[in-house]
N, C-alpha and C. Protein backbone atom coordinates (compact mmCIF):
# COMPACT_ATOMS: atom_id res chain seq x y z
N MET A 1 37.07 15.77 -10.83
CA MET A 1 37.30 15.44 -9.44
C MET A 1 36.78 14.02 -9.19
N VAL A 2 37.56 13.25 -8.45
CA VAL A 2 37.22 11.87 -8.13
C VAL A 2 36.86 11.79 -6.65
N LYS A 3 35.73 11.19 -6.34
CA LYS A 3 35.35 11.00 -4.94
C LYS A 3 35.88 9.64 -4.48
N ILE A 4 36.49 9.65 -3.30
CA ILE A 4 37.08 8.44 -2.75
C ILE A 4 36.54 8.22 -1.35
N GLN A 5 36.04 7.01 -1.11
CA GLN A 5 35.56 6.66 0.22
C GLN A 5 36.75 6.53 1.16
N VAL A 6 36.59 7.03 2.40
CA VAL A 6 37.67 6.98 3.36
C VAL A 6 37.12 6.71 4.75
N ILE A 7 37.84 5.90 5.51
CA ILE A 7 37.58 5.70 6.93
C ILE A 7 38.75 6.35 7.66
N ASN A 8 38.44 7.21 8.63
CA ASN A 8 39.48 7.88 9.40
C ASN A 8 39.43 7.37 10.84
N LEU A 9 40.40 6.52 11.21
CA LEU A 9 40.48 5.96 12.55
C LEU A 9 41.16 6.92 13.53
N SER A 10 41.76 7.97 13.00
CA SER A 10 42.53 8.91 13.82
C SER A 10 41.67 10.11 14.22
N PRO A 11 42.15 10.89 15.19
CA PRO A 11 41.42 12.11 15.57
C PRO A 11 41.78 13.31 14.67
N TYR A 12 42.65 13.10 13.70
CA TYR A 12 43.15 14.20 12.87
C TYR A 12 42.27 14.40 11.64
N GLU A 13 42.34 15.62 11.09
CA GLU A 13 41.57 15.93 9.89
C GLU A 13 42.03 15.06 8.72
N LEU A 14 41.17 14.94 7.74
CA LEU A 14 41.53 14.17 6.54
C LEU A 14 42.65 14.89 5.79
N PRO A 15 43.45 14.12 5.05
CA PRO A 15 44.48 14.77 4.23
C PRO A 15 43.83 15.78 3.30
N LYS A 16 44.54 16.89 3.07
CA LYS A 16 44.00 17.93 2.19
C LYS A 16 45.13 18.55 1.40
N TYR A 17 44.77 19.17 0.30
CA TYR A 17 45.73 19.89 -0.52
C TYR A 17 46.06 21.21 0.19
N GLN A 18 47.34 21.53 0.30
CA GLN A 18 47.75 22.75 0.98
C GLN A 18 47.56 24.00 0.12
N THR A 19 47.59 23.83 -1.21
CA THR A 19 47.32 24.93 -2.14
C THR A 19 46.43 24.42 -3.26
N ASP A 20 45.88 25.32 -4.05
CA ASP A 20 45.01 24.93 -5.16
C ASP A 20 45.74 24.10 -6.21
N ASN A 21 47.05 24.24 -6.32
CA ASN A 21 47.81 23.53 -7.35
C ASN A 21 48.64 22.37 -6.80
N SER A 22 48.43 22.01 -5.54
CA SER A 22 49.16 20.88 -4.95
C SER A 22 48.73 19.57 -5.59
N ALA A 23 49.68 18.68 -5.81
CA ALA A 23 49.39 17.34 -6.32
C ALA A 23 49.21 16.35 -5.18
N GLY A 24 49.91 16.59 -4.06
CA GLY A 24 49.87 15.66 -2.95
C GLY A 24 49.17 16.22 -1.73
N MET A 25 48.70 15.31 -0.90
CA MET A 25 48.05 15.64 0.37
C MET A 25 48.89 15.04 1.49
N ASP A 26 49.11 15.79 2.55
CA ASP A 26 49.95 15.31 3.64
C ASP A 26 49.23 14.25 4.48
N LEU A 27 49.99 13.20 4.82
CA LEU A 27 49.51 12.15 5.72
C LEU A 27 50.10 12.39 7.10
N ARG A 28 49.32 12.11 8.13
CA ARG A 28 49.77 12.35 9.51
C ARG A 28 50.03 11.03 10.24
N ALA A 29 50.94 11.10 11.20
CA ALA A 29 51.26 9.94 12.03
C ALA A 29 50.12 9.70 13.02
N PHE A 30 49.60 8.49 13.03
CA PHE A 30 48.57 8.10 13.98
C PHE A 30 49.22 7.18 15.01
N THR A 31 49.61 7.76 16.13
CA THR A 31 50.33 7.05 17.18
C THR A 31 49.96 7.64 18.53
N ASP A 32 50.04 6.84 19.57
CA ASP A 32 49.74 7.31 20.92
C ASP A 32 50.90 8.06 21.56
N SER A 33 52.10 7.79 21.08
CA SER A 33 53.28 8.41 21.66
C SER A 33 54.30 8.72 20.57
N LYS A 34 55.34 9.46 20.92
CA LYS A 34 56.33 9.82 19.91
C LYS A 34 57.06 8.58 19.42
N ILE A 35 57.50 8.65 18.18
CA ILE A 35 58.25 7.57 17.55
C ILE A 35 59.64 8.09 17.25
N ASN A 36 60.66 7.45 17.81
CA ASN A 36 62.04 7.82 17.51
C ASN A 36 62.56 6.96 16.38
N ILE A 37 63.20 7.61 15.41
CA ILE A 37 63.85 6.89 14.31
C ILE A 37 65.33 7.24 14.37
N ASP A 38 66.14 6.26 14.72
CA ASP A 38 67.58 6.49 14.79
C ASP A 38 68.18 6.55 13.39
N SER A 39 69.42 6.97 13.32
CA SER A 39 70.13 7.06 12.04
C SER A 39 70.11 5.70 11.33
N LEU A 40 69.74 5.72 10.06
CA LEU A 40 69.65 4.54 9.19
C LEU A 40 68.63 3.51 9.64
N GLU A 41 67.73 3.89 10.51
CA GLU A 41 66.67 3.00 10.98
C GLU A 41 65.40 3.25 10.18
N THR A 42 64.59 2.21 10.05
CA THR A 42 63.27 2.33 9.42
C THR A 42 62.19 2.05 10.46
N LYS A 43 61.06 2.71 10.27
CA LYS A 43 59.88 2.47 11.11
C LYS A 43 58.65 2.50 10.21
N VAL A 44 57.70 1.64 10.51
CA VAL A 44 56.41 1.66 9.84
C VAL A 44 55.47 2.48 10.71
N VAL A 45 54.90 3.54 10.12
CA VAL A 45 54.08 4.49 10.87
C VAL A 45 52.64 4.43 10.36
N ASN A 46 51.70 4.24 11.27
CA ASN A 46 50.28 4.20 10.93
C ASN A 46 49.78 5.61 10.58
N THR A 47 48.75 5.65 9.72
CA THR A 47 48.10 6.93 9.39
C THR A 47 46.66 6.98 9.89
N GLY A 48 46.08 5.81 10.20
CA GLY A 48 44.68 5.78 10.63
C GLY A 48 43.69 5.87 9.48
N LEU A 49 44.19 5.84 8.25
CA LEU A 49 43.31 5.99 7.08
C LEU A 49 43.17 4.68 6.32
N LYS A 50 41.93 4.40 5.91
CA LYS A 50 41.62 3.30 5.01
C LYS A 50 40.85 3.92 3.85
N ILE A 51 41.19 3.55 2.62
CA ILE A 51 40.52 4.15 1.47
C ILE A 51 40.05 3.08 0.49
N SER A 52 39.11 3.46 -0.35
CA SER A 52 38.61 2.62 -1.43
C SER A 52 38.77 3.40 -2.73
N LEU A 53 39.83 3.08 -3.46
CA LEU A 53 40.09 3.76 -4.74
C LEU A 53 39.30 3.10 -5.86
N PRO A 54 38.86 3.87 -6.83
CA PRO A 54 38.21 3.26 -8.00
C PRO A 54 39.22 2.46 -8.81
N LYS A 55 38.75 1.46 -9.53
CA LYS A 55 39.61 0.67 -10.42
C LYS A 55 40.27 1.63 -11.41
N GLY A 56 41.56 1.41 -11.68
CA GLY A 56 42.29 2.28 -12.59
C GLY A 56 43.00 3.43 -11.89
N PHE A 57 42.92 3.47 -10.56
CA PHE A 57 43.60 4.51 -9.78
C PHE A 57 44.54 3.85 -8.78
N GLU A 58 45.55 4.59 -8.38
CA GLU A 58 46.46 4.19 -7.32
C GLU A 58 46.74 5.40 -6.46
N ALA A 59 47.18 5.16 -5.23
CA ALA A 59 47.67 6.24 -4.37
C ALA A 59 49.16 6.01 -4.19
N GLN A 60 49.94 7.03 -4.48
CA GLN A 60 51.39 6.95 -4.31
C GLN A 60 51.77 7.66 -3.01
N ILE A 61 52.58 7.01 -2.20
CA ILE A 61 53.05 7.58 -0.95
C ILE A 61 54.48 8.05 -1.18
N ARG A 62 54.70 9.34 -0.97
CA ARG A 62 55.98 9.97 -1.29
C ARG A 62 56.52 10.72 -0.08
N PRO A 63 57.83 10.99 -0.08
CA PRO A 63 58.41 11.78 1.01
C PRO A 63 57.89 13.21 0.98
N ARG A 64 57.94 13.87 2.13
CA ARG A 64 57.70 15.31 2.21
C ARG A 64 59.06 15.98 2.01
N SER A 65 59.12 16.93 1.12
CA SER A 65 60.41 17.54 0.77
C SER A 65 61.07 18.23 1.97
N GLY A 66 60.30 18.87 2.82
CA GLY A 66 60.86 19.53 3.99
C GLY A 66 61.51 18.56 4.96
N LEU A 67 60.86 17.42 5.22
CA LEU A 67 61.44 16.41 6.11
C LEU A 67 62.71 15.82 5.51
N ALA A 68 62.69 15.62 4.20
CA ALA A 68 63.86 15.06 3.54
C ALA A 68 65.03 16.04 3.56
N ALA A 69 64.78 17.29 3.19
CA ALA A 69 65.85 18.29 3.09
C ALA A 69 66.40 18.69 4.46
N LYS A 70 65.54 18.86 5.43
CA LYS A 70 65.97 19.37 6.73
C LYS A 70 66.41 18.29 7.71
N HIS A 71 65.83 17.07 7.58
CA HIS A 71 66.07 16.05 8.60
C HIS A 71 66.49 14.69 8.03
N GLY A 72 66.55 14.54 6.71
CA GLY A 72 66.95 13.27 6.12
C GLY A 72 65.91 12.18 6.24
N ILE A 73 64.64 12.54 6.46
CA ILE A 73 63.57 11.55 6.61
C ILE A 73 62.91 11.34 5.25
N SER A 74 62.85 10.07 4.83
CA SER A 74 62.30 9.75 3.51
C SER A 74 61.38 8.54 3.62
N VAL A 75 60.66 8.28 2.54
CA VAL A 75 59.82 7.08 2.43
C VAL A 75 60.70 6.02 1.77
N LEU A 76 60.86 4.89 2.44
CA LEU A 76 61.82 3.88 1.98
C LEU A 76 61.47 3.30 0.61
N ASN A 77 60.26 2.92 0.39
CA ASN A 77 59.86 2.33 -0.88
C ASN A 77 59.20 3.38 -1.76
N SER A 78 59.88 4.48 -1.94
CA SER A 78 59.30 5.65 -2.59
C SER A 78 59.26 5.51 -4.11
N PRO A 79 58.12 5.73 -4.74
CA PRO A 79 56.85 5.91 -4.05
C PRO A 79 56.23 4.57 -3.67
N GLY A 80 55.65 4.54 -2.49
CA GLY A 80 54.87 3.38 -2.09
C GLY A 80 53.55 3.40 -2.87
N THR A 81 53.02 2.24 -3.17
CA THR A 81 51.80 2.16 -3.97
C THR A 81 50.66 1.55 -3.17
N ILE A 82 49.53 2.24 -3.15
CA ILE A 82 48.29 1.70 -2.59
C ILE A 82 47.41 1.33 -3.78
N ASP A 83 47.16 0.04 -3.95
CA ASP A 83 46.35 -0.43 -5.07
C ASP A 83 44.87 -0.25 -4.79
N SER A 84 44.08 -0.25 -5.86
CA SER A 84 42.64 0.01 -5.72
C SER A 84 41.89 -1.10 -4.98
N ASP A 85 42.49 -2.28 -4.86
CA ASP A 85 41.80 -3.36 -4.15
C ASP A 85 42.27 -3.52 -2.71
N PHE A 86 43.15 -2.63 -2.23
CA PHE A 86 43.62 -2.70 -0.84
C PHE A 86 42.66 -1.92 0.06
N ARG A 87 42.24 -2.54 1.16
CA ARG A 87 41.30 -1.90 2.08
C ARG A 87 41.85 -1.75 3.49
N GLY A 88 43.11 -2.10 3.69
CA GLY A 88 43.70 -1.98 5.02
C GLY A 88 44.14 -0.56 5.31
N GLU A 89 44.68 -0.38 6.52
CA GLU A 89 45.16 0.93 6.91
C GLU A 89 46.41 1.30 6.12
N ILE A 90 46.46 2.54 5.66
CA ILE A 90 47.66 3.03 4.98
C ILE A 90 48.75 3.23 6.02
N LYS A 91 49.89 2.63 5.77
CA LYS A 91 51.05 2.76 6.65
C LYS A 91 52.22 3.25 5.80
N VAL A 92 53.10 4.00 6.43
CA VAL A 92 54.22 4.61 5.71
C VAL A 92 55.53 4.05 6.28
N ILE A 93 56.40 3.57 5.38
CA ILE A 93 57.71 3.08 5.80
C ILE A 93 58.68 4.26 5.72
N LEU A 94 59.06 4.77 6.89
CA LEU A 94 59.98 5.90 6.94
C LEU A 94 61.39 5.42 7.22
N ILE A 95 62.37 6.12 6.67
CA ILE A 95 63.78 5.84 6.94
C ILE A 95 64.47 7.16 7.30
N ASN A 96 65.37 7.07 8.25
CA ASN A 96 66.16 8.22 8.67
C ASN A 96 67.54 8.11 8.02
N LEU A 97 67.80 8.92 7.02
CA LEU A 97 69.07 8.88 6.30
C LEU A 97 70.09 9.87 6.88
N SER A 98 69.73 10.54 7.95
CA SER A 98 70.65 11.49 8.58
C SER A 98 71.52 10.76 9.61
N LYS A 99 72.41 11.51 10.23
CA LYS A 99 73.28 10.95 11.28
C LYS A 99 72.70 11.15 12.67
N LYS A 100 71.56 11.87 12.77
CA LYS A 100 70.94 12.16 14.06
C LYS A 100 69.59 11.47 14.18
N SER A 101 69.23 11.13 15.39
CA SER A 101 67.92 10.57 15.68
C SER A 101 66.84 11.63 15.38
N TYR A 102 65.67 11.16 14.97
CA TYR A 102 64.57 12.07 14.67
C TYR A 102 63.32 11.54 15.37
N SER A 103 62.52 12.44 15.94
CA SER A 103 61.29 12.06 16.64
C SER A 103 60.07 12.54 15.88
N ILE A 104 59.11 11.64 15.75
CA ILE A 104 57.81 11.96 15.15
C ILE A 104 56.80 12.00 16.28
N GLN A 105 56.07 13.09 16.35
CA GLN A 105 55.03 13.28 17.37
C GLN A 105 53.67 12.85 16.81
N PRO A 106 52.74 12.45 17.65
CA PRO A 106 51.39 12.14 17.17
C PRO A 106 50.83 13.32 16.36
N GLY A 107 50.31 13.01 15.18
CA GLY A 107 49.71 14.03 14.32
C GLY A 107 50.67 14.73 13.40
N ASP A 108 51.98 14.47 13.51
CA ASP A 108 52.95 15.10 12.60
C ASP A 108 52.68 14.68 11.16
N ARG A 109 52.91 15.61 10.24
CA ARG A 109 52.81 15.29 8.82
C ARG A 109 54.08 14.54 8.42
N ILE A 110 53.91 13.31 7.92
CA ILE A 110 55.07 12.43 7.71
C ILE A 110 55.34 12.08 6.25
N ALA A 111 54.36 12.22 5.40
CA ALA A 111 54.52 11.84 3.99
C ALA A 111 53.41 12.53 3.21
N GLN A 112 53.46 12.40 1.90
CA GLN A 112 52.36 12.91 1.10
C GLN A 112 51.82 11.80 0.20
N MET A 113 50.55 11.95 -0.13
CA MET A 113 49.86 10.97 -0.96
C MET A 113 49.36 11.65 -2.23
N VAL A 114 49.68 11.04 -3.37
CA VAL A 114 49.22 11.52 -4.67
C VAL A 114 48.35 10.42 -5.27
N VAL A 115 47.13 10.76 -5.64
CA VAL A 115 46.22 9.80 -6.28
C VAL A 115 46.31 10.02 -7.78
N SER A 116 46.55 8.91 -8.52
CA SER A 116 46.76 9.00 -9.97
C SER A 116 46.01 7.90 -10.70
N LYS A 117 45.66 8.20 -11.93
CA LYS A 117 45.15 7.17 -12.84
C LYS A 117 46.34 6.35 -13.33
N HIS A 118 46.07 5.11 -13.65
CA HIS A 118 47.11 4.28 -14.28
C HIS A 118 46.46 3.39 -15.32
N GLU A 119 47.26 2.91 -16.22
CA GLU A 119 46.78 2.01 -17.27
C GLU A 119 47.07 0.57 -16.90
N THR A 120 46.21 -0.33 -17.34
CA THR A 120 46.47 -1.76 -17.24
C THR A 120 46.92 -2.20 -18.63
N ILE A 121 48.03 -2.91 -18.66
CA ILE A 121 48.58 -3.29 -19.96
C ILE A 121 48.32 -4.76 -20.28
N LYS A 122 48.49 -5.08 -21.51
CA LYS A 122 48.48 -6.46 -21.96
C LYS A 122 49.76 -6.64 -22.76
N TRP A 123 50.55 -7.65 -22.41
CA TRP A 123 51.81 -7.89 -23.09
C TRP A 123 51.56 -8.38 -24.51
N SER A 124 52.41 -7.95 -25.42
CA SER A 124 52.39 -8.42 -26.81
C SER A 124 53.78 -8.96 -27.10
N LEU A 125 53.95 -10.26 -26.97
CA LEU A 125 55.24 -10.91 -27.16
C LEU A 125 55.70 -10.74 -28.60
N THR A 126 56.97 -10.37 -28.77
CA THR A 126 57.51 -10.13 -30.11
C THR A 126 58.97 -10.57 -30.14
N GLU A 127 59.54 -10.68 -31.33
CA GLU A 127 60.95 -11.03 -31.50
C GLU A 127 61.81 -9.80 -31.71
N LYS A 128 61.19 -8.65 -32.09
CA LYS A 128 61.95 -7.45 -32.39
C LYS A 128 61.12 -6.23 -32.01
N LEU A 129 61.81 -5.21 -31.43
CA LEU A 129 61.14 -3.96 -31.06
C LEU A 129 61.39 -2.92 -32.14
N GLU A 130 60.49 -1.93 -32.23
CA GLU A 130 60.69 -0.82 -33.16
C GLU A 130 61.98 -0.09 -32.81
N ASN A 131 62.69 0.40 -33.83
CA ASN A 131 63.88 1.21 -33.58
C ASN A 131 63.46 2.57 -33.04
N SER A 132 64.38 3.19 -32.28
CA SER A 132 64.18 4.55 -31.80
C SER A 132 65.50 5.30 -31.91
N ILE A 133 65.46 6.59 -31.69
CA ILE A 133 66.69 7.38 -31.76
C ILE A 133 67.68 6.89 -30.71
N ARG A 134 67.21 6.53 -29.55
CA ARG A 134 68.08 6.10 -28.46
C ARG A 134 68.46 4.64 -28.56
N ASP A 135 67.57 3.81 -29.06
CA ASP A 135 67.75 2.36 -29.13
C ASP A 135 68.20 1.79 -27.80
N GLU A 136 69.33 1.10 -27.71
CA GLU A 136 69.75 0.43 -26.48
C GLU A 136 70.74 1.23 -25.66
N LYS A 137 70.97 2.49 -26.00
CA LYS A 137 71.88 3.33 -25.21
C LYS A 137 71.25 3.54 -23.84
N GLY A 138 72.05 3.31 -22.80
CA GLY A 138 71.51 3.31 -21.44
C GLY A 138 71.88 4.54 -20.64
N PHE A 139 72.23 4.29 -19.38
CA PHE A 139 72.50 5.35 -18.40
C PHE A 139 73.41 6.43 -18.95
N GLY A 140 72.97 7.68 -18.86
CA GLY A 140 73.79 8.82 -19.27
C GLY A 140 73.88 9.04 -20.77
N SER A 141 73.16 8.27 -21.55
CA SER A 141 73.31 8.34 -23.00
C SER A 141 72.68 9.60 -23.63
N THR A 142 71.85 10.31 -22.86
CA THR A 142 71.22 11.49 -23.44
C THR A 142 72.00 12.77 -23.11
N GLY A 143 73.16 12.64 -22.50
CA GLY A 143 73.98 13.82 -22.22
C GLY A 143 74.23 14.02 -20.75
N LYS A 144 75.16 14.93 -20.46
CA LYS A 144 75.56 15.20 -19.08
C LYS A 144 74.48 15.93 -18.29
N ASN A 145 73.76 16.83 -18.90
CA ASN A 145 72.74 17.61 -18.18
C ASN A 145 71.42 16.96 -18.39
């Protein structure tokens, strides 16, 4: 378990796992009034959360499956990335991909956040890559299913 420092500017509880096996924690809209998102419109929604991730970790901001399936609401830059050196408020870029307007109320769960380890790489410039079974075969090359 990793402990992460958090500042909560909102009146809502901290994000939490909904089940013991959940990977993501729901983020809530921190707003004074409802936010309408028209069809094909994007809005940046505050969460009221600021975090300090350890080096080697990132927070990924992802859509909530229920909002996506039922209302066409998604995270535009999915997954959004919160780097370990960012200390500002986490904000979510939502897009309405449906044909109907959608309203977000203060405190609504709008996205989920997954905290993950990541590697830092160092490039090794070369003239030739190792062969693989796939080699340069691209889109759809591994079969229809």
